[in-house]
C-alpha atoms as a PDB file:
ATOM      1  CA  MET A   1      12.739 -16.882 -29.299  1.00  0.00           C
ATOM      2  CA  THR A   2      15.357 -18.465 -27.131  1.00  0.00           C
ATOM      3  CA  GLY A   3      16.444 -15.154 -25.575  1.00  0.00           C
ATOM      4  CA  GLN A   4      13.030 -14.482 -24.011  1.00  0.00           C
ATOM      5  CA  SER A   5      13.117 -15.210 -20.296  1.00  0.00           C
ATOM      6  CA  ARG A   6       9.374 -15.343 -19.625  1.00  0.00           C
ATOM      7  CA  LYS A   7       6.215 -15.472 -21.664  1.00  0.00           C
ATOM      8  CA  THR A   8       4.117 -12.334 -21.925  1.00  0.00           C
ATOM      9  CA  GLY A   9       1.150 -14.136 -20.371  1.00  0.00           C
ATOM     10  CA  ASP A  10       3.175 -15.025 -17.283  1.00  0.00           C
ATOM     11  CA  ILE A  11       4.314 -11.442 -16.885  1.00  0.00           C
ATOM     12  CA  LEU A  12       0.732 -10.203 -17.244  1.00  0.00           C
ATOM     13  CA  MET A  13      -0.494 -12.674 -14.610  1.00  0.00           C
ATOM     14  CA  ASP A  14       2.174 -11.524 -12.133  1.00  0.00           C
ATOM     15  CA  ARG A  15       1.347  -7.914 -12.978  1.00  0.00           C
ATOM     16  CA  MET A  16      -2.367  -8.516 -12.301  1.00  0.00           C
ATOM     17  CA  LYS A  17      -1.601 -10.144  -8.936  1.00  0.00           C
ATOM     18  CA  THR A  18       0.505  -7.122  -8.021  1.00  0.00           C
ATOM     19  CA  ILE A  19      -2.286  -4.737  -9.021  1.00  0.00           C
ATOM     20  CA  GLN A  20      -4.670  -6.694  -6.793  1.00  0.00           C
ATOM     21  CA  ALA A  21      -2.214  -6.492  -3.904  1.00  0.00           C
ATOM     22  CA  ILE A  22      -1.909  -2.722  -4.424  1.00  0.00           C
ATOM     23  CA  ALA A  23      -5.702  -2.401  -4.340  1.00  0.00           C
ATOM     24  CA  GLN A  24      -5.828  -4.346  -1.061  1.00  0.00           C
ATOM     25  CA  ALA A  25      -3.058  -2.238   0.439  1.00  0.00           C
ATOM     26  CA  ASN A  26      -4.827   0.955  -0.644  1.00  0.00           C
ATOM     27  CA  THR A  27      -8.031  -0.281   1.007  1.00  0.00           C
ATOM     28  CA  GLU A  28      -6.098  -0.901   4.218  1.00  0.00           C
ATOM     29  CA  GLN A  29      -4.502   2.544   3.929  1.00  0.00           C
ATOM     30  CA  LEU A  30      -7.948   4.152   3.700  1.00  0.00           C
ATOM     31  CA  ARG A  31      -9.146   2.206   6.748  1.00  0.00           C
ATOM     32  CA  LEU A  32      -6.098   3.258   8.754  1.00  0.00           C
ATOM     33  CA  LYS A  33      -6.517   6.906   7.742  1.00  0.00           C
ATOM     34  CA  GLN A  34     -10.175   6.812   8.769  1.00  0.00           C
ATOM     35  CA  ARG A  35      -9.150   5.378  12.121  1.00  0.00           C
ATOM     36  CA  ALA A  36      -6.515   8.108  12.507  1.00  0.00           C
ATOM     37  CA  SER A  37      -9.204  10.710  11.828  1.00  0.00           C
ATOM     38  CA  GLY A  38     -11.449   9.178  14.472  1.00  0.00           C
ATOM     39  CA  LEU A  39      -8.618   9.257  16.984  1.00  0.00           C
ATOM     40  CA  MET A  40      -8.001  12.929  16.162  1.00  0.00           C
ATOM     41  CA  VAL A  41     -11.664  13.653  16.893  1.00  0.00           C
ATOM     42  CA  LEU A  42     -11.226  11.973  20.275  1.00  0.00           C
ATOM     43  CA  ASP A  43      -8.156  14.168  20.884  1.00  0.00           C
ATOM     44  CA  MET A  44     -10.156  17.300  20.100  1.00  0.00           C
ATOM     45  CA  LYS A  45     -12.950  16.144  22.401  1.00  0.00           C
ATOM     46  CA  ASP A  46     -10.460  15.459  25.192  1.00  0.00           C
ATOM     47  CA  ALA A  47      -8.903  18.906  24.708  1.00  0.00           C
ATOM     48  CA  ARG A  48     -12.319  20.524  24.804  1.00  0.00           C
ATOM     49  CA  ASP A  49     -13.275  18.575  27.938  1.00  0.00           C
ATOM     50  CA  GLY A  50      -9.939  19.278  29.651  1.00  0.00           C
ATOM     51  CA  VAL A  51      -8.889  15.648  29.768  1.00  0.00           C
ATOM     52  CA  GLU A  52      -5.129  15.373  30.204  1.00  0.00           C
ATOM     53  CA  ASP A  53      -4.709  11.586  30.274  1.00  0.00           C
ATOM     54  CA  HIS A  54      -5.569  10.427  26.765  1.00  0.00           C
ATOM     55  CA  ALA A  55      -6.599   6.803  26.935  1.00  0.00           C
ATOM     56  CA  HIS A  56      -6.164   6.339  23.191  1.00  0.00           C
ATOM     57  CA  GLU A  57      -2.524   7.454  22.804  1.00  0.00           C
ATOM     58  CA  GLY A  58      -1.412   3.826  22.476  1.00  0.00           C
ATOM     59  CA  ALA A  59      -3.971   3.258  19.743  1.00  0.00           C
ATOM     60  CA  GLN A  60      -2.675   6.336  17.911  1.00  0.00           C
ATOM     61  CA  ALA A  61       0.919   5.107  18.060  1.00  0.00           C
ATOM     62  CA  GLN A  62      -0.137   1.675  16.865  1.00  0.00           C
ATOM     63  CA  ASN A  63      -2.171   3.161  14.018  1.00  0.00           C
ATOM     64  CA  ASP A  64       0.685   5.487  13.010  1.00  0.00           C
ATOM     65  CA  ALA A  65       3.066   2.516  12.851  1.00  0.00           C
ATOM     66  CA  ALA A  66       0.565   0.532  10.782  1.00  0.00           C
ATOM     67  CA  LEU A  67       0.163   3.484   8.396  1.00  0.00           C
ATOM     68  CA  LYS A  68       3.918   3.738   7.965  1.00  0.00           C
ATOM     69  CA  GLU A  69       4.291   0.009   7.355  1.00  0.00           C
ATOM     70  CA  ASN A  70       1.401  -0.025   4.897  1.00  0.00           C
ATOM     71  CA  THR A  71       2.866   2.936   2.996  1.00  0.00           C
ATOM     72  CA  GLN A  72       6.131   1.003   2.669  1.00  0.00           C
ATOM     73  CA  THR A  73       4.189  -2.010   1.394  1.00  0.00           C
ATOM     74  CA  ILE A  74       2.456   0.126  -1.234  1.00  0.00           C
ATOM     75  CA  ASN A  75       5.806   1.584  -2.321  1.00  0.00           C
ATOM     76  CA  ARG A  76       7.335  -1.906  -2.654  1.00  0.00           C
ATOM     77  CA  LEU A  77       4.353  -3.118  -4.666  1.00  0.00           C
ATOM     78  CA  GLU A  78       4.469  -0.104  -6.965  1.00  0.00           C
ATOM     79  CA  THR A  79       8.179  -0.728  -7.551  1.00  0.00           C
ATOM     80  CA  ARG A  80       7.389  -4.353  -8.387  1.00  0.00           C
ATOM     81  CA  LEU A  81       4.641  -3.215 -10.772  1.00  0.00           C
ATOM     82  CA  SER A  82       7.090  -0.897 -12.506  1.00  0.00           C
ATOM     83  CA  ALA A  83       9.534  -3.803 -12.889  1.00  0.00           C
ATOM     84  CA  PHE A  84       6.803  -5.930 -14.470  1.00  0.00           C
ATOM     85  CA  ASP A  85       6.015  -3.070 -16.842  1.00  0.00           C
ATOM     86  CA  GLY A  86       9.665  -2.925 -17.866  1.00  0.00           C
ATOM     87  CA  GLU A  87       9.796  -6.682 -18.301  1.00  0.00           C
ATOM     88  CA  LEU A  88       6.601  -6.604 -20.339  1.00  0.00           C
ATOM     89  CA  ASP A  89       7.958  -3.822 -22.544  1.00  0.00           C
ATOM     90  CA  ALA A  90      11.142  -5.805 -23.185  1.00  0.00           C
ATOM     91  CA  ALA A  91       9.142  -8.963 -23.962  1.00  0.00           C
ATOM     92  CA  MET A  92       6.923  -7.082 -26.401  1.00  0.00           C
ATOM     93  CA  LYS A  93       9.983  -5.640 -28.179  1.00  0.00           C
ATOM     94  CA  GLU A  94      11.463  -9.151 -28.359  1.00  0.00           C
ATOM     95  CA  GLN A  95       8.318 -10.425 -30.036  1.00  0.00           C
ATOM     96  CA  SER A  96       8.357  -7.672 -32.653  1.00  0.00           C
END
């Protein structure tokens, strides 16, 4: 099969590494969302206590930026996974 660009095993290994990276990014996303929830609780407490100067606004902005960046990472990884799936499909058809 001279037309085949990569072996199926190589594609599967790259696919597995991408799945692992997605799992890690999803774990980070959960951690960041939990942190965001904790910061919202602090906001509610401050509002209840009449505090106007929120000491954790910087942490919220930082967490929001990290959430956005992590979401972009997940999207890139999912696109890569889809490309591996397409490559794997083509390789399997080539082998048939």
